[in-house]
Amino acid sequence: MQTLNIAISDTLSDYVLKQVEVKGYPSADEYVHELIRAAQQDEARRKLEAELLLGLESGPGEPLSASDWQTMRQEIQKRHDLRQGQTQ
């Protein structure tokens, strides 16, 4: 694990220490870790929403045929097998 030292104002430091106390974090490190994890999740959510909007704006959808579903199943199975180390 890498260590990252940061300098913050007394006001921010007081706020962090108060949050640690009020919310029951074991340390200021854990509080900061939680803030970073929340920021990562928020970024992932925004990216997913942007992709979904692109899909919605790309035009009307078309029904999938039985052949389309079978092709997707085969591709998913192939990916699964590769991840499991079971190349076919």
PDB file of N, CA and C in Angstrom:
ATOM      1  N   MET A   1       0.853  -1.175   0.000  1.00  0.00           N
ATOM      2  CA  MET A   1       0.000   0.000   0.000  1.00  0.00           C
ATOM      3  C   MET A   1       0.895   1.233   0.000  1.00  0.00           C
ATOM      4  N   GLN A   2       0.498   2.184  -0.779  1.00  0.00           N
ATOM      5  CA  GLN A   2       1.248   3.429  -0.885  1.00  0.00           C
ATOM      6  C   GLN A   2       0.748   4.444   0.133  1.00  0.00           C
ATOM      7  N   THR A   3       1.640   5.269   0.616  1.00  0.00           N
ATOM      8  CA  THR A   3       1.278   6.345   1.528  1.00  0.00           C
ATOM      9  C   THR A   3       1.274   7.655   0.769  1.00  0.00           C
ATOM     10  N   LEU A   4       0.233   8.439   1.009  1.00  0.00           N
ATOM     11  CA  LEU A   4       0.104   9.735   0.361  1.00  0.00           C
ATOM     12  C   LEU A   4      -0.124  10.769   1.461  1.00  0.00           C
ATOM     13  N   ASN A   5       0.785  11.702   1.577  1.00  0.00           N
ATOM     14  CA  ASN A   5       0.645  12.760   2.580  1.00  0.00           C
ATOM     15  C   ASN A   5       0.049  13.991   1.920  1.00  0.00           C
ATOM     16  N   ILE A   6      -0.944  14.565   2.585  1.00  0.00           N
ATOM     17  CA  ILE A   6      -1.567  15.778   2.060  1.00  0.00           C
ATOM     18  C   ILE A   6      -1.588  16.837   3.156  1.00  0.00           C
ATOM     19  N   ALA A   7      -1.585  18.068   2.739  1.00  0.00           N
ATOM     20  CA  ALA A   7      -1.697  19.188   3.669  1.00  0.00           C
ATOM     21  C   ALA A   7      -3.080  19.806   3.503  1.00  0.00           C
ATOM     22  N   ILE A   8      -3.785  19.964   4.612  1.00  0.00           N
ATOM     23  CA  ILE A   8      -5.102  20.597   4.580  1.00  0.00           C
ATOM     24  C   ILE A   8      -5.150  21.683   5.652  1.00  0.00           C
ATOM     25  N   SER A   9      -6.066  22.597   5.468  1.00  0.00           N
ATOM     26  CA  SER A   9      -6.203  23.699   6.426  1.00  0.00           C
ATOM     27  C   SER A   9      -6.696  23.171   7.774  1.00  0.00           C
ATOM     28  N   ASP A  10      -6.515  23.985   8.785  1.00  0.00           N
ATOM     29  CA  ASP A  10      -7.004  23.622  10.118  1.00  0.00           C
ATOM     30  C   ASP A  10      -8.517  23.409  10.102  1.00  0.00           C
ATOM     31  N   THR A  11      -9.211  24.238   9.343  1.00  0.00           N
ATOM     32  CA  THR A  11     -10.669  24.112   9.257  1.00  0.00           C
ATOM     33  C   THR A  11     -11.073  22.762   8.686  1.00  0.00           C
ATOM     34  N   LEU A  12     -10.406  22.350   7.585  1.00  0.00           N
ATOM     35  CA  LEU A  12     -10.718  21.051   6.989  1.00  0.00           C
ATOM     36  C   LEU A  12     -10.306  19.912   7.912  1.00  0.00           C
ATOM     37  N   SER A  13      -9.182  20.059   8.562  1.00  0.00           N
ATOM     38  CA  SER A  13      -8.731  19.032   9.498  1.00  0.00           C
ATOM     39  C   SER A  13      -9.733  18.853  10.627  1.00  0.00           C
ATOM     40  N   ASP A  14     -10.216  19.955  11.177  1.00  0.00           N
ATOM     41  CA  ASP A  14     -11.222  19.890  12.236  1.00  0.00           C
ATOM     42  C   ASP A  14     -12.482  19.188  11.735  1.00  0.00           C
ATOM     43  N   TYR A  15     -12.872  19.508  10.513  1.00  0.00           N
ATOM     44  CA  TYR A  15     -14.065  18.886   9.932  1.00  0.00           C
ATOM     45  C   TYR A  15     -13.873  17.377   9.803  1.00  0.00           C
ATOM     46  N   VAL A  16     -12.730  16.967   9.273  1.00  0.00           N
ATOM     47  CA  VAL A  16     -12.452  15.534   9.096  1.00  0.00           C
ATOM     48  C   VAL A  16     -12.489  14.826  10.442  1.00  0.00           C
ATOM     49  N   LEU A  17     -11.819  15.384  11.429  1.00  0.00           N
ATOM     50  CA  LEU A  17     -11.784  14.751  12.749  1.00  0.00           C
ATOM     51  C   LEU A  17     -13.175  14.669  13.376  1.00  0.00           C
ATOM     52  N   LYS A  18     -13.998  15.682  13.147  1.00  0.00           N
ATOM     53  CA  LYS A  18     -15.376  15.668  13.651  1.00  0.00           C
ATOM     54  C   LYS A  18     -16.185  14.562  12.961  1.00  0.00           C
ATOM     55  N   GLN A  19     -16.005  14.418  11.634  1.00  0.00           N
ATOM     56  CA  GLN A  19     -16.711  13.368  10.899  1.00  0.00           C
ATOM     57  C   GLN A  19     -16.293  11.984  11.369  1.00  0.00           C
ATOM     58  N   VAL A  20     -15.012  11.813  11.639  1.00  0.00           N
ATOM     59  CA  VAL A  20     -14.503  10.533  12.146  1.00  0.00           C
ATOM     60  C   VAL A  20     -15.204  10.203  13.462  1.00  0.00           C
ATOM     61  N   GLU A  21     -15.311  11.193  14.326  1.00  0.00           N
ATOM     62  CA  GLU A  21     -15.939  10.990  15.626  1.00  0.00           C
ATOM     63  C   GLU A  21     -17.434  10.718  15.494  1.00  0.00           C
ATOM     64  N   VAL A  22     -18.118  11.583  14.741  1.00  0.00           N
ATOM     65  CA  VAL A  22     -19.574  11.499  14.624  1.00  0.00           C
ATOM     66  C   VAL A  22     -20.022  10.235  13.889  1.00  0.00           C
ATOM     67  N   LYS A  23     -19.317   9.901  12.828  1.00  0.00           N
ATOM     68  CA  LYS A  23     -19.743   8.769  11.993  1.00  0.00           C
ATOM     69  C   LYS A  23     -19.088   7.447  12.380  1.00  0.00           C
ATOM     70  N   GLY A  24     -18.212   7.489  13.364  1.00  0.00           N
ATOM     71  CA  GLY A  24     -17.659   6.257  13.898  1.00  0.00           C
ATOM     72  C   GLY A  24     -16.571   5.603  13.067  1.00  0.00           C
ATOM     73  N   TYR A  25     -15.867   6.373  12.273  1.00  0.00           N
ATOM     74  CA  TYR A  25     -14.759   5.807  11.513  1.00  0.00           C
ATOM     75  C   TYR A  25     -13.611   5.494  12.475  1.00  0.00           C
ATOM     76  N   PRO A  26     -12.860   4.425  12.206  1.00  0.00           N
ATOM     77  CA  PRO A  26     -11.749   4.090  13.087  1.00  0.00           C
ATOM     78  C   PRO A  26     -10.595   5.099  13.008  1.00  0.00           C
ATOM     79  N   SER A  27     -10.504   5.823  11.888  1.00  0.00           N
ATOM     80  CA  SER A  27      -9.417   6.786  11.719  1.00  0.00           C
ATOM     81  C   SER A  27      -9.765   7.772  10.610  1.00  0.00           C
ATOM     82  N   ALA A  28      -8.984   8.853  10.558  1.00  0.00           N
ATOM     83  CA  ALA A  28      -9.150   9.817   9.471  1.00  0.00           C
ATOM     84  C   ALA A  28      -8.838   9.151   8.136  1.00  0.00           C
ATOM     85  N   ASP A  29      -7.880   8.215   8.127  1.00  0.00           N
ATOM     86  CA  ASP A  29      -7.554   7.480   6.899  1.00  0.00           C
ATOM     87  C   ASP A  29      -8.786   6.773   6.347  1.00  0.00           C
ATOM     88  N   GLU A  30      -9.528   6.100   7.217  1.00  0.00           N
ATOM     89  CA  GLU A  30     -10.719   5.380   6.758  1.00  0.00           C
ATOM     90  C   GLU A  30     -11.774   6.331   6.221  1.00  0.00           C
ATOM     91  N   TYR A  31     -11.910   7.482   6.842  1.00  0.00           N
ATOM     92  CA  TYR A  31     -12.862   8.480   6.367  1.00  0.00           C
ATOM     93  C   TYR A  31     -12.485   8.947   4.964  1.00  0.00           C
ATOM     94  N   VAL A  32     -11.220   9.236   4.755  1.00  0.00           N
ATOM     95  CA  VAL A  32     -10.743   9.675   3.436  1.00  0.00           C
ATOM     96  C   VAL A  32     -10.890   8.547   2.419  1.00  0.00           C
ATOM     97  N   HIS A  33     -10.577   7.309   2.812  1.00  0.00           N
ATOM     98  CA  HIS A  33     -10.766   6.170   1.905  1.00  0.00           C
ATOM     99  C   HIS A  33     -12.224   6.095   1.446  1.00  0.00           C
ATOM    100  N   GLU A  34     -13.142   6.273   2.403  1.00  0.00           N
ATOM    101  CA  GLU A  34     -14.559   6.206   2.065  1.00  0.00           C
ATOM    102  C   GLU A  34     -14.954   7.325   1.096  1.00  0.00           C
ATOM    103  N   LEU A  35     -14.413   8.517   1.288  1.00  0.00           N
ATOM    104  CA  LEU A  35     -14.697   9.619   0.360  1.00  0.00           C
ATOM    105  C   LEU A  35     -14.198   9.285  -1.045  1.00  0.00           C
ATOM    106  N   ILE A  36     -13.027   8.700  -1.136  1.00  0.00           N
ATOM    107  CA  ILE A  36     -12.460   8.349  -2.445  1.00  0.00           C
ATOM    108  C   ILE A  36     -13.291   7.255  -3.102  1.00  0.00           C
ATOM    109  N   ARG A  37     -13.674   6.232  -2.321  1.00  0.00           N
ATOM    110  CA  ARG A  37     -14.516   5.163  -2.885  1.00  0.00           C
ATOM    111  C   ARG A  37     -15.839   5.732  -3.394  1.00  0.00           C
ATOM    112  N   ALA A  38     -16.428   6.636  -2.638  1.00  0.00           N
ATOM    113  CA  ALA A  38     -17.694   7.254  -3.057  1.00  0.00           C
ATOM    114  C   ALA A  38     -17.496   8.046  -4.345  1.00  0.00           C
ATOM    115  N   ALA A  39     -16.379   8.745  -4.466  1.00  0.00           N
ATOM    116  CA  ALA A  39     -16.098   9.504  -5.692  1.00  0.00           C
ATOM    117  C   ALA A  39     -15.922   8.554  -6.875  1.00  0.00           C
ATOM    118  N   GLN A  40     -15.263   7.420  -6.648  1.00  0.00           N
ATOM    119  CA  GLN A  40     -15.088   6.439  -7.729  1.00  0.00           C
ATOM    120  C   GLN A  40     -16.437   5.879  -8.175  1.00  0.00           C
ATOM    121  N   GLN A  41     -17.294   5.558  -7.217  1.00  0.00           N
ATOM    122  CA  GLN A  41     -18.624   5.036  -7.551  1.00  0.00           C
ATOM    123  C   GLN A  41     -19.453   6.076  -8.290  1.00  0.00           C
ATOM    124  N   ASP A  42     -19.346   7.323  -7.875  1.00  0.00           N
ATOM    125  CA  ASP A  42     -20.077   8.402  -8.534  1.00  0.00           C
ATOM    126  C   ASP A  42     -19.606   8.565  -9.978  1.00  0.00           C
ATOM    127  N   GLU A  43     -18.299   8.505 -10.186  1.00  0.00           N
ATOM    128  CA  GLU A  43     -17.757   8.619 -11.543  1.00  0.00           C
ATOM    129  C   GLU A  43     -18.226   7.458 -12.417  1.00  0.00           C
ATOM    130  N   ALA A  44     -18.212   6.247 -11.868  1.00  0.00           N
ATOM    131  CA  ALA A  44     -18.671   5.080 -12.623  1.00  0.00           C
ATOM    132  C   ALA A  44     -20.157   5.215 -12.981  1.00  0.00           C
ATOM    133  N   ARG A  45     -20.946   5.716 -12.029  1.00  0.00           N
ATOM    134  CA  ARG A  45     -22.380   5.909 -12.288  1.00  0.00           C
ATOM    135  C   ARG A  45     -22.605   6.932 -13.389  1.00  0.00           C
ATOM    136  N   ARG A  46     -21.848   8.037 -13.353  1.00  0.00           N
ATOM    137  CA  ARG A  46     -21.992   9.070 -14.393  1.00  0.00           C
ATOM    138  C   ARG A  46     -21.608   8.519 -15.767  1.00  0.00           C
ATOM    139  N   LYS A  47     -20.554   7.707 -15.827  1.00  0.00           N
ATOM    140  CA  LYS A  47     -20.142   7.113 -17.104  1.00  0.00           C
ATOM    141  C   LYS A  47     -21.214   6.169 -17.624  1.00  0.00           C
ATOM    142  N   LEU A  48     -21.772   5.357 -16.727  1.00  0.00           N
ATOM    143  CA  LEU A  48     -22.828   4.436 -17.135  1.00  0.00           C
ATOM    144  C   LEU A  48     -24.053   5.195 -17.630  1.00  0.00           C
ATOM    145  N   GLU A  49     -24.443   6.239 -16.919  1.00  0.00           N
ATOM    146  CA  GLU A  49     -25.586   7.042 -17.343  1.00  0.00           C
ATOM    147  C   GLU A  49     -25.344   7.671 -18.711  1.00  0.00           C
ATOM    148  N   ALA A  50     -24.128   8.142 -18.944  1.00  0.00           N
ATOM    149  CA  ALA A  50     -23.798   8.736 -20.244  1.00  0.00           C
ATOM    150  C   ALA A  50     -23.919   7.689 -21.344  1.00  0.00           C
ATOM    151  N   GLU A  51     -23.447   6.478 -21.088  1.00  0.00           N
ATOM    152  CA  GLU A  51     -23.550   5.403 -22.079  1.00  0.00           C
ATOM    153  C   GLU A  51     -25.014   5.027 -22.331  1.00  0.00           C
ATOM    154  N   LEU A  52     -25.792   4.980 -21.268  1.00  0.00           N
ATOM    155  CA  LEU A  52     -27.214   4.665 -21.431  1.00  0.00           C
ATOM    156  C   LEU A  52     -27.923   5.744 -22.248  1.00  0.00           C
ATOM    157  N   LEU A  53     -27.584   7.002 -21.990  1.00  0.00           N
ATOM    158  CA  LEU A  53     -28.181   8.095 -22.769  1.00  0.00           C
ATOM    159  C   LEU A  53     -27.794   7.992 -24.242  1.00  0.00           C
ATOM    160  N   LEU A  54     -26.540   7.652 -24.504  1.00  0.00           N
ATOM    161  CA  LEU A  54     -26.124   7.455 -25.899  1.00  0.00           C
ATOM    162  C   LEU A  54     -26.965   6.372 -26.563  1.00  0.00           C
ATOM    163  N   GLY A  55     -27.201   5.298 -25.837  1.00  0.00           N
ATOM    164  CA  GLY A  55     -28.021   4.222 -26.380  1.00  0.00           C
ATOM    165  C   GLY A  55     -29.448   4.665 -26.646  1.00  0.00           C
ATOM    166  N   LEU A  56     -30.013   5.405 -25.694  1.00  0.00           N
ATOM    167  CA  LEU A  56     -31.385   5.883 -25.877  1.00  0.00           C
ATOM    168  C   LEU A  56     -31.506   6.849 -27.044  1.00  0.00           C
ATOM    169  N   GLU A  57     -30.462   7.652 -27.250  1.00  0.00           N
ATOM    170  CA  GLU A  57     -30.492   8.652 -28.315  1.00  0.00           C
ATOM    171  C   GLU A  57     -30.079   8.084 -29.672  1.00  0.00           C
ATOM    172  N   SER A  58     -29.688   6.819 -29.715  1.00  0.00           N
ATOM    173  CA  SER A  58     -29.182   6.244 -30.966  1.00  0.00           C
ATOM    174  C   SER A  58     -30.296   5.799 -31.911  1.00  0.00           C
ATOM    175  N   GLY A  59     -31.520   5.911 -31.460  1.00  0.00           N
ATOM    176  CA  GLY A  59     -32.627   5.534 -32.332  1.00  0.00           C
ATOM    177  C   GLY A  59     -33.438   4.416 -31.727  1.00  0.00           C
ATOM    178  N   PRO A  60     -34.500   4.041 -32.418  1.00  0.00           N
ATOM    179  CA  PRO A  60     -35.364   2.991 -31.888  1.00  0.00           C
ATOM    180  C   PRO A  60     -34.646   1.642 -31.875  1.00  0.00           C
ATOM    181  N   GLY A  61     -34.981   0.863 -30.895  1.00  0.00           N
ATOM    182  CA  GLY A  61     -34.402  -0.473 -30.787  1.00  0.00           C
ATOM    183  C   GLY A  61     -35.051  -1.436 -31.770  1.00  0.00           C
ATOM    184  N   GLU A  62     -34.386  -2.553 -31.969  1.00  0.00           N
ATOM    185  CA  GLU A  62     -34.931  -3.600 -32.831  1.00  0.00           C
ATOM    186  C   GLU A  62     -34.980  -4.895 -32.042  1.00  0.00           C
ATOM    187  N   PRO A  63     -36.025  -5.690 -32.244  1.00  0.00           N
ATOM    188  CA  PRO A  63     -36.123  -6.958 -31.526  1.00  0.00           C
ATOM    189  C   PRO A  63     -34.960  -7.883 -31.906  1.00  0.00           C
ATOM    190  N   LEU A  64     -34.526  -8.661 -30.928  1.00  0.00           N
ATOM    191  CA  LEU A  64     -33.472  -9.640 -31.182  1.00  0.00           C
ATOM    192  C   LEU A  64     -34.096 -10.964 -31.615  1.00  0.00           C
ATOM    193  N   SER A  65     -33.461 -11.586 -32.570  1.00  0.00           N
ATOM    194  CA  SER A  65     -33.937 -12.884 -33.051  1.00  0.00           C
ATOM    195  C   SER A  65     -33.354 -13.993 -32.177  1.00  0.00           C
ATOM    196  N   ALA A  66     -33.876 -15.188 -32.335  1.00  0.00           N
ATOM    197  CA  ALA A  66     -33.343 -16.346 -31.613  1.00  0.00           C
ATOM    198  C   ALA A  66     -31.863 -16.536 -31.947  1.00  0.00           C
ATOM    199  N   SER A  67     -31.491 -16.267 -33.188  1.00  0.00           N
ATOM    200  CA  SER A  67     -30.097 -16.374 -33.607  1.00  0.00           C
ATOM    201  C   SER A  67     -29.226 -15.340 -32.894  1.00  0.00           C
ATOM    202  N   ASP A  68     -29.733 -14.121 -32.736  1.00  0.00           N
ATOM    203  CA  ASP A  68     -29.001 -13.080 -32.017  1.00  0.00           C
ATOM    204  C   ASP A  68     -28.719 -13.528 -30.582  1.00  0.00           C
ATOM    205  N   TRP A  69     -29.756 -14.066 -29.915  1.00  0.00           N
ATOM    206  CA  TRP A  69     -29.595 -14.521 -28.540  1.00  0.00           C
ATOM    207  C   TRP A  69     -28.577 -15.654 -28.456  1.00  0.00           C
ATOM    208  N   GLN A  70     -28.640 -16.579 -29.397  1.00  0.00           N
ATOM    209  CA  GLN A  70     -27.711 -17.702 -29.394  1.00  0.00           C
ATOM    210  C   GLN A  70     -26.273 -17.216 -29.583  1.00  0.00           C
ATOM    211  N   THR A  71     -26.065 -16.262 -30.466  1.00  0.00           N
ATOM    212  CA  THR A  71     -24.732 -15.698 -30.687  1.00  0.00           C
ATOM    213  C   THR A  71     -24.216 -15.037 -29.412  1.00  0.00           C
ATOM    214  N   MET A  72     -25.087 -14.292 -28.724  1.00  0.00           N
ATOM    215  CA  MET A  72     -24.676 -13.652 -27.470  1.00  0.00           C
ATOM    216  C   MET A  72     -24.334 -14.689 -26.409  1.00  0.00           C
ATOM    217  N   ARG A  73     -25.153 -15.731 -26.303  1.00  0.00           N
ATOM    218  CA  ARG A  73     -24.870 -16.787 -25.325  1.00  0.00           C
ATOM    219  C   ARG A  73     -23.514 -17.431 -25.593  1.00  0.00           C
ATOM    220  N   GLN A  74     -23.227 -17.706 -26.860  1.00  0.00           N
ATOM    221  CA  GLN A  74     -21.944 -18.317 -27.214  1.00  0.00           C
ATOM    222  C   GLN A  74     -20.776 -17.401 -26.864  1.00  0.00           C
ATOM    223  N   GLU A  75     -20.917 -16.121 -27.128  1.00  0.00           N
ATOM    224  CA  GLU A  75     -19.851 -15.161 -26.816  1.00  0.00           C
ATOM    225  C   GLU A  75     -19.637 -15.057 -25.305  1.00  0.00           C
ATOM    226  N   ILE A  76     -20.716 -15.022 -24.573  1.00  0.00           N
ATOM    227  CA  ILE A  76     -20.612 -14.948 -23.108  1.00  0.00           C
ATOM    228  C   ILE A  76     -19.955 -16.215 -22.570  1.00  0.00           C
ATOM    229  N   GLN A  77     -20.340 -17.365 -23.100  1.00  0.00           N
ATOM    230  CA  GLN A  77     -19.745 -18.624 -22.648  1.00  0.00           C
ATOM    231  C   GLN A  77     -18.252 -18.649 -22.960  1.00  0.00           C
ATOM    232  N   LYS A  78     -17.879 -18.158 -24.140  1.00  0.00           N
ATOM    233  CA  LYS A  78     -16.466 -18.122 -24.523  1.00  0.00           C
ATOM    234  C   LYS A  78     -15.681 -17.221 -23.565  1.00  0.00           C
ATOM    235  N   ARG A  79     -16.226 -16.059 -23.253  1.00  0.00           N
ATOM    236  CA  ARG A  79     -15.553 -15.141 -22.321  1.00  0.00           C
ATOM    237  C   ARG A  79     -15.427 -15.765 -20.935  1.00  0.00           C
ATOM    238  N   HIS A  80     -16.487 -16.431 -20.500  1.00  0.00           N
ATOM    239  CA  HIS A  80     -16.462 -17.090 -19.200  1.00  0.00           C
ATOM    240  C   HIS A  80     -15.374 -18.169 -19.168  1.00  0.00           C
ATOM    241  N   ASP A  81     -15.346 -18.966 -20.215  1.00  0.00           N
ATOM    242  CA  ASP A  81     -14.350 -20.040 -20.278  1.00  0.00           C
ATOM    243  C   ASP A  81     -12.929 -19.489 -20.262  1.00  0.00           C
ATOM    244  N   LEU A  82     -12.706 -18.388 -20.971  1.00  0.00           N
ATOM    245  CA  LEU A  82     -11.368 -17.780 -20.987  1.00  0.00           C
ATOM    246  C   LEU A  82     -10.980 -17.283 -19.592  1.00  0.00           C
ATOM    247  N   ARG A  83     -11.927 -16.707 -18.888  1.00  0.00           N
ATOM    248  CA  ARG A  83     -11.643 -16.216 -17.533  1.00  0.00           C
ATOM    249  C   ARG A  83     -11.379 -17.371 -16.575  1.00  0.00           C
ATOM    250  N   GLN A  84     -11.998 -18.500 -16.845  1.00  0.00           N
ATOM    251  CA  GLN A  84     -11.808 -19.669 -15.988  1.00  0.00           C
ATOM    252  C   GLN A  84     -10.577 -20.480 -16.400  1.00  0.00           C
ATOM    253  N   GLY A  85      -9.911 -20.059 -17.502  1.00  0.00           N
ATOM    254  CA  GLY A  85      -8.732 -20.774 -17.971  1.00  0.00           C
ATOM    255  C   GLY A  85      -9.070 -22.044 -18.722  1.00  0.00           C
ATOM    256  N   GLN A  86     -10.290 -22.108 -19.238  1.00  0.00           N
ATOM    257  CA  GLN A  86     -10.747 -23.296 -19.951  1.00  0.00           C
ATOM    258  C   GLN A  86     -10.937 -22.980 -21.424  1.00  0.00           C
ATOM    259  N   THR A  87      -9.856 -22.695 -22.132  1.00  0.00           N
ATOM    260  CA  THR A  87      -9.979 -22.354 -23.556  1.00  0.00           C
ATOM    261  C   THR A  87     -10.513 -23.539 -24.321  1.00  0.00           C
ATOM    262  N   GLN A  88     -11.364 -23.229 -25.266  1.00  0.00           N
ATOM    263  CA  GLN A  88     -11.961 -24.303 -26.083  1.00  0.00           C
ATOM    264  C   GLN A  88     -11.503 -24.182 -27.514  1.00  0.00           C
TER     265      GLN A  88
END
